[in-house]
Amino acid sequence: MFICVTGMPGAGKTEIARRLAVRLKAVLLSMGDFVRREALRRGLDSSMENLIRLGNELREKMGPDAVAKLILSQVSGDGLYVIDGVRSLEEVETFKNRGNVVLIAVHSSPRERFRRLSSRGRADDPKSYHEFLERDIKELRLGLGNVIAMADVIVTNEGKDIDSVTAEALELIRGFLSDVPTDSDL
């Protein structure tokens, strides 16, 4: 089973995905980290421009679900996986072809997302609000808005502590996970 976590940059999807993986004793796989590792392997720095260019190159060579295919090449056998950073419906379909999928979208306002990204300090984070908006448009052109719209579960990560948001997400997906024990069930 795959719990695919999506959301705009800075919404908190990586933190939610990490916490869900811990609570569910699942394997966490990050699509963004995979692209960053591939950039390093090729001797590229992890600037936003390089990561977008590399992601586009992978999609041109392997199709719009390229990163999902590469992630699945690391999946062996059955189990529960939390996938951080799904960006297109083609990627969702690729995971569905391999197993059951629960799609969870994490939402935060643009103002809050920009604040988070500005303070995060990663090389691919936007340096200005204009750059932030350009990045959002690029993500939406990839189909991220469609993925968010098709989510089975949506949580808002704003004005609440991260533990509350994680608990809410876990409660909302519990029906999809009826056969999967959590740490609170043990």
Foldseek 3Di string as FASTA:
>chain_A
DEEEEAEAAQLCQVVLLVVLCQQLVFAEAELQVVLCVVCVVVVHHPAQVSSLVSLVVQCVVPNLLRSLVVSVVVDDDDTYYYYGHDQAVVVVVVVVVVHDYAYEYGDEDLVNSLVRLCPVPGNHGDPDSVSSVVSRVVSVVSPRVVSNVPGQYYFYDPPDDPVVRSVVVCVSCCVVVVPGDTPVND
